[in-house]
Amino acid sequence: MTVARLLLATVVGLILLFLALPIVVVMVVSFSSATYLTFPPSAFGMRWYTAYFTSDDWLRPTWLSLWVAACVVVLATFLGTLAAIGIGRLPRALRVLASALIVSPLIVPVIVAAIGIYYAFARYGLVGTPVGLILAHTCLAVPFVFISVSASLAGIDPRLEQAALSLGATPSGTFFQITLPLIRPGVLAGALFSFVTSFDELIVALFMSGSGAVTLPRRMWDDVLYQIEPTIAAVSTLTIVVTVVLMGCAHLLRKRAPT
């Protein structure tokens, strides 16, 4: 048994090393003082972090990505929560069908969704605009909120709402005083997932950003194509840190959700 456990631990450790090694390499390179990407670095410093925080070419897409992601959080959280509550009260057959349609953006390849969004939005002049990006990213983020809130709703005893209604509470009062406090962890977790989905999204941004609404992932893509410099390693490290922190918060919130 000891040998089996040691072998299992070794295999798991190798898998984790395989998954984490590229991230570690990027993070180490981000602290390089060299003028080009090299590993291991010949010297260490904060040169490329300084270059990032003092460059309008990098900060402008960063602020746009943050603004778009913040708007997506509001829209996706509102729509996803309403969808989860409404679909959860449908008959089973309709509930399964409606749920499948809501989560379809997670099933369809992103490139297919991006092409469809591009052709649908192009006729309305939304390509290359922040509004177009917000609407496109909302389409991708709503399923995460829907899944998170649906999981929270599944752990709520429906008799609580029935008891509140029988005691004279209005439907809106029942929602805000009974349902919403119980599903709040799921709603907040879904909001964090939607922020990460928008902030890190590239494929749809390649189709929708054009030249007038360049997001941070799109700016990183352009940098890789045309001028590779260590600044992109610093940006990647910061993005990884932000994503890990938000995903950790979402995990903690999901643990607090009723089960």
Protein backbone atom coordinates (compact mmCIF):
# COMPACT_ATOMS: atom_id res chain seq x y z
CA MET A 1 0.00 0.00 0.00
CA THR A 2 2.87 2.35 0.82
CA VAL A 3 4.46 1.75 -2.58
CA ALA A 4 1.13 2.31 -4.32
CA ARG A 5 0.60 5.60 -2.50
CA LEU A 6 4.14 6.72 -3.28
CA LEU A 7 3.63 5.90 -6.96
CA LEU A 8 0.31 7.76 -7.00
CA ALA A 9 1.86 10.80 -5.30
CA THR A 10 4.71 10.77 -7.82
CA VAL A 11 2.34 10.64 -10.79
CA VAL A 12 0.17 13.43 -9.39
CA GLY A 13 3.26 15.52 -8.65
CA LEU A 14 4.55 15.08 -12.20
CA ILE A 15 1.17 16.06 -13.65
CA LEU A 16 1.02 19.18 -11.48
CA LEU A 17 4.59 20.06 -12.45
CA PHE A 18 3.73 19.62 -16.13
CA LEU A 19 0.74 21.94 -15.76
CA ALA A 20 2.44 24.56 -13.61
CA LEU A 21 5.87 24.68 -15.27
CA PRO A 22 4.90 27.03 -18.15
CA ILE A 23 3.30 29.44 -15.68
CA VAL A 24 6.38 29.36 -13.45
CA VAL A 25 8.64 30.03 -16.44
CA VAL A 26 6.57 33.07 -17.46
CA MET A 27 6.59 34.44 -13.92
CA VAL A 28 10.37 34.04 -13.63
CA VAL A 29 10.98 35.66 -17.02
CA SER A 30 8.80 38.62 -16.00
CA PHE A 31 11.47 39.61 -13.45
CA SER A 32 14.26 39.52 -16.03
CA SER A 33 16.37 42.61 -16.72
CA ALA A 34 17.33 41.43 -20.21
CA THR A 35 16.06 43.23 -23.29
CA TYR A 36 14.65 40.03 -24.77
CA LEU A 37 12.87 36.93 -23.56
CA THR A 38 15.36 34.48 -22.09
CA PHE A 39 15.22 31.70 -19.54
CA PRO A 40 16.80 31.52 -17.10
CA PRO A 41 17.30 35.30 -16.82
CA SER A 42 20.84 36.60 -16.57
CA ALA A 43 19.74 39.25 -14.05
CA PHE A 44 16.59 40.11 -12.15
CA GLY A 45 14.70 43.35 -11.69
CA MET A 46 11.37 45.15 -12.04
CA ARG A 47 12.21 46.73 -15.39
CA TRP A 48 9.32 45.24 -17.34
CA TYR A 49 6.73 45.88 -14.65
CA THR A 50 7.81 49.52 -14.70
CA ALA A 51 7.54 49.50 -18.49
CA TYR A 52 4.00 48.18 -18.24
CA PHE A 53 2.76 50.66 -15.65
CA THR A 54 4.29 53.63 -17.52
CA SER A 55 3.08 52.69 -21.01
CA ASP A 56 -0.19 54.06 -22.38
CA ASP A 57 -0.11 51.35 -25.03
CA TRP A 58 -0.57 48.77 -22.27
CA LEU A 59 -2.61 50.71 -19.73
CA ARG A 60 -5.28 51.80 -22.22
CA PRO A 61 -6.28 48.20 -23.11
CA THR A 62 -6.07 47.26 -19.43
CA TRP A 63 -8.56 49.92 -18.37
CA LEU A 64 -10.84 49.00 -21.27
CA SER A 65 -10.75 45.33 -20.26
CA LEU A 66 -11.55 46.23 -16.66
CA TRP A 67 -14.42 48.50 -17.71
CA VAL A 68 -15.87 45.94 -20.12
CA ALA A 69 -15.55 43.18 -17.51
CA ALA A 70 -17.28 45.34 -14.88
CA CYS A 71 -20.22 45.98 -17.23
CA VAL A 72 -20.35 42.29 -18.12
CA VAL A 73 -20.54 41.40 -14.42
CA VAL A 74 -23.63 43.58 -13.98
CA LEU A 75 -25.43 42.33 -17.09
CA ALA A 76 -24.45 38.66 -16.78
CA THR A 77 -25.26 38.50 -13.07
CA PHE A 78 -28.67 40.07 -13.59
CA LEU A 79 -29.60 37.94 -16.60
CA GLY A 80 -28.08 34.72 -15.30
CA THR A 81 -29.80 35.02 -11.92
CA LEU A 82 -33.18 35.74 -13.47
CA ALA A 83 -32.71 32.83 -15.89
CA ALA A 84 -31.80 30.43 -13.08
CA ILE A 85 -34.82 31.42 -10.99
CA GLY A 86 -37.26 31.38 -13.91
CA ILE A 87 -36.04 28.13 -15.48
CA GLY A 88 -35.93 26.43 -12.09
CA ARG A 89 -39.72 26.82 -11.85
CA LEU A 90 -40.52 25.35 -15.26
CA PRO A 91 -41.76 21.78 -15.78
CA ARG A 92 -38.91 19.29 -15.96
CA ALA A 93 -39.00 18.77 -19.73
CA LEU A 94 -38.95 22.50 -20.47
CA ARG A 95 -36.37 23.07 -17.73
CA VAL A 96 -33.92 20.65 -19.34
CA LEU A 97 -34.38 22.20 -22.78
CA ALA A 98 -34.07 25.79 -21.54
CA SER A 99 -31.01 24.95 -19.44
CA ALA A 100 -29.34 23.36 -22.46
CA LEU A 101 -29.92 26.52 -24.49
CA ILE A 102 -28.55 28.74 -21.73
CA VAL A 103 -25.33 26.74 -21.31
CA SER A 104 -24.84 26.19 -25.06
CA PRO A 105 -22.06 28.85 -25.26
CA LEU A 106 -20.00 26.53 -23.04
CA ILE A 107 -20.56 23.59 -25.37
CA VAL A 108 -20.17 25.25 -28.77
CA PRO A 109 -16.52 25.91 -29.75
CA VAL A 110 -15.63 29.52 -28.98
CA ILE A 111 -14.50 30.16 -32.55
CA VAL A 112 -17.97 29.15 -33.79
CA ALA A 113 -19.64 31.44 -31.28
CA ALA A 114 -17.25 34.24 -32.23
CA ILE A 115 -18.11 33.95 -35.92
CA GLY A 116 -21.83 33.97 -35.17
CA ILE A 117 -21.52 36.98 -32.84
CA TYR A 118 -19.43 38.84 -35.40
CA TYR A 119 -21.93 38.43 -38.23
CA ALA A 120 -24.89 39.19 -35.96
CA PHE A 121 -23.30 42.37 -34.55
CA ALA A 122 -21.67 43.60 -37.76
CA ARG A 123 -25.00 44.54 -39.32
CA TYR A 124 -25.67 46.87 -36.40
CA GLY A 125 -22.26 48.52 -36.44
CA LEU A 126 -21.21 47.09 -33.07
CA VAL A 127 -17.88 45.64 -34.24
CA GLY A 128 -14.97 47.65 -32.89
CA THR A 129 -17.02 49.25 -30.10
CA PRO A 130 -16.97 48.68 -26.33
CA VAL A 131 -20.72 48.09 -26.41
CA GLY A 132 -20.26 45.24 -28.85
CA LEU A 133 -17.58 43.70 -26.63
CA ILE A 134 -19.80 43.99 -23.56
CA LEU A 135 -22.74 42.29 -25.26
CA ALA A 136 -20.54 39.58 -26.78
CA HIS A 137 -18.80 38.80 -23.48
CA THR A 138 -22.15 38.80 -21.70
CA CYS A 139 -23.28 35.99 -24.01
CA LEU A 140 -20.29 33.95 -22.85
CA ALA A 141 -20.56 34.87 -19.15
CA VAL A 142 -24.28 34.29 -18.53
CA PRO A 143 -23.92 30.46 -18.48
CA PHE A 144 -21.41 30.66 -15.60
CA VAL A 145 -23.80 32.74 -13.52
CA PHE A 146 -26.70 30.49 -14.45
CA ILE A 147 -24.85 27.33 -13.36
CA SER A 148 -23.64 28.87 -10.11
CA VAL A 149 -27.04 30.28 -9.12
CA SER A 150 -28.85 27.09 -10.17
CA ALA A 151 -26.58 25.08 -7.88
CA SER A 152 -27.43 27.41 -5.01
CA LEU A 153 -31.16 27.22 -5.75
CA ALA A 154 -31.02 23.43 -5.75
CA GLY A 155 -29.95 23.52 -2.10
CA ILE A 156 -32.87 25.68 -0.95
CA ASP A 157 -35.99 24.13 0.54
CA PRO A 158 -38.92 25.49 -1.54
CA ARG A 159 -41.10 25.35 1.56
CA LEU A 160 -39.28 28.41 2.88
CA GLU A 161 -40.67 30.54 0.07
CA GLN A 162 -44.11 28.95 0.44
CA ALA A 163 -44.08 29.70 4.17
CA ALA A 164 -43.15 33.35 3.56
CA LEU A 165 -45.93 33.74 0.99
CA SER A 166 -48.45 32.10 3.30
CA LEU A 167 -47.52 34.57 6.03
CA GLY A 168 -48.37 37.52 3.83
CA ALA A 169 -45.07 38.34 2.14
CA THR A 170 -45.24 39.61 -1.43
CA PRO A 171 -43.38 37.71 -4.18
CA SER A 172 -40.78 40.48 -4.40
CA GLY A 173 -40.45 40.59 -0.61
CA THR A 174 -40.01 36.82 -0.52
CA PHE A 175 -37.26 37.04 -3.10
CA PHE A 176 -35.28 39.83 -1.43
CA GLN A 177 -35.77 38.62 2.15
CA ILE A 178 -35.65 34.83 1.73
CA THR A 179 -34.35 33.67 -1.65
CA LEU A 180 -31.65 36.23 -2.40
CA PRO A 181 -29.84 35.94 0.98
CA LEU A 182 -29.72 32.16 0.55
CA ILE A 183 -28.38 32.23 -3.00
CA ARG A 184 -26.06 35.23 -2.47
CA PRO A 185 -22.87 33.10 -2.38
CA GLY A 186 -23.81 31.53 -5.72
CA VAL A 187 -24.65 34.91 -7.23
CA LEU A 188 -21.34 36.41 -6.11
CA ALA A 189 -19.40 33.37 -7.32
CA GLY A 190 -21.11 33.62 -10.70
CA ALA A 191 -20.26 37.33 -10.84
CA LEU A 192 -16.57 36.56 -10.24
CA PHE A 193 -16.62 33.86 -12.91
CA SER A 194 -18.21 36.29 -15.37
CA PHE A 195 -15.52 38.91 -14.62
CA VAL A 196 -12.73 36.40 -15.24
CA THR A 197 -14.46 35.16 -18.41
CA SER A 198 -14.61 38.67 -19.85
CA PHE A 199 -11.22 39.88 -18.65
CA ASP A 200 -9.31 36.86 -20.03
CA GLU A 201 -11.31 36.32 -23.23
CA LEU A 202 -9.37 36.50 -26.52
CA ILE A 203 -11.14 34.68 -29.37
CA VAL A 204 -14.27 36.83 -29.45
CA ALA A 205 -12.15 39.93 -28.84
CA LEU A 206 -10.13 39.15 -31.99
CA PHE A 207 -13.35 39.33 -34.00
CA MET A 208 -15.10 42.14 -32.14
CA SER A 209 -12.43 44.59 -30.94
CA GLY A 210 -11.37 45.86 -34.37
CA SER A 211 -9.04 48.83 -34.02
CA GLY A 212 -11.22 50.94 -31.75
CA ALA A 213 -11.76 48.67 -28.73
CA VAL A 214 -8.54 46.73 -28.11
CA THR A 215 -8.68 44.70 -24.90
CA LEU A 216 -5.67 43.54 -22.88
CA PRO A 217 -5.72 39.94 -24.22
CA ARG A 218 -5.96 41.34 -27.77
CA ARG A 219 -3.01 43.68 -27.04
CA MET A 220 -1.00 40.72 -25.73
CA TRP A 221 -1.84 38.75 -28.86
CA ASP A 222 -0.67 41.59 -31.08
CA ASP A 223 2.54 41.86 -29.07
CA VAL A 224 3.26 38.15 -29.54
CA LEU A 225 2.70 38.47 -33.29
CA TYR A 226 4.65 41.65 -33.99
CA GLN A 227 7.13 42.45 -31.22
CA ILE A 228 7.93 39.96 -28.52
CA GLU A 229 9.42 41.71 -25.49
CA PRO A 230 9.55 40.78 -21.78
CA THR A 231 6.78 43.26 -20.99
CA ILE A 232 4.30 40.61 -22.06
CA ALA A 233 5.69 38.27 -19.39
CA ALA A 234 5.03 40.92 -16.73
CA VAL A 235 1.50 41.48 -18.04
CA SER A 236 0.90 37.73 -18.13
CA THR A 237 2.07 37.36 -14.53
CA LEU A 238 -0.25 40.13 -13.34
CA THR A 239 -3.14 38.56 -15.24
CA ILE A 240 -2.40 35.16 -13.69
CA VAL A 241 -2.33 36.66 -10.19
CA VAL A 242 -5.64 38.49 -10.71
CA THR A 243 -7.29 35.38 -12.15
CA VAL A 244 -6.05 33.10 -9.37
CA VAL A 245 -7.24 35.51 -6.66
CA LEU A 246 -10.69 35.85 -8.22
CA MET A 247 -11.06 32.12 -8.79
CA GLY A 248 -10.04 31.51 -5.19
CA CYS A 249 -12.69 33.95 -4.00
CA ALA A 250 -15.27 32.25 -6.22
CA HIS A 251 -14.32 28.87 -4.75
CA LEU A 252 -14.74 30.16 -1.20
CA LEU A 253 -18.12 31.64 -2.07
CA ARG A 254 -19.29 28.39 -3.64
CA LYS A 255 -18.33 26.53 -0.46
CA ARG A 256 -20.60 28.89 1.47
CA ALA A 257 -23.54 28.21 -0.83
CA PRO A 258 -26.30 26.02 0.67
CA THR A 259 -26.01 22.32 -0.13
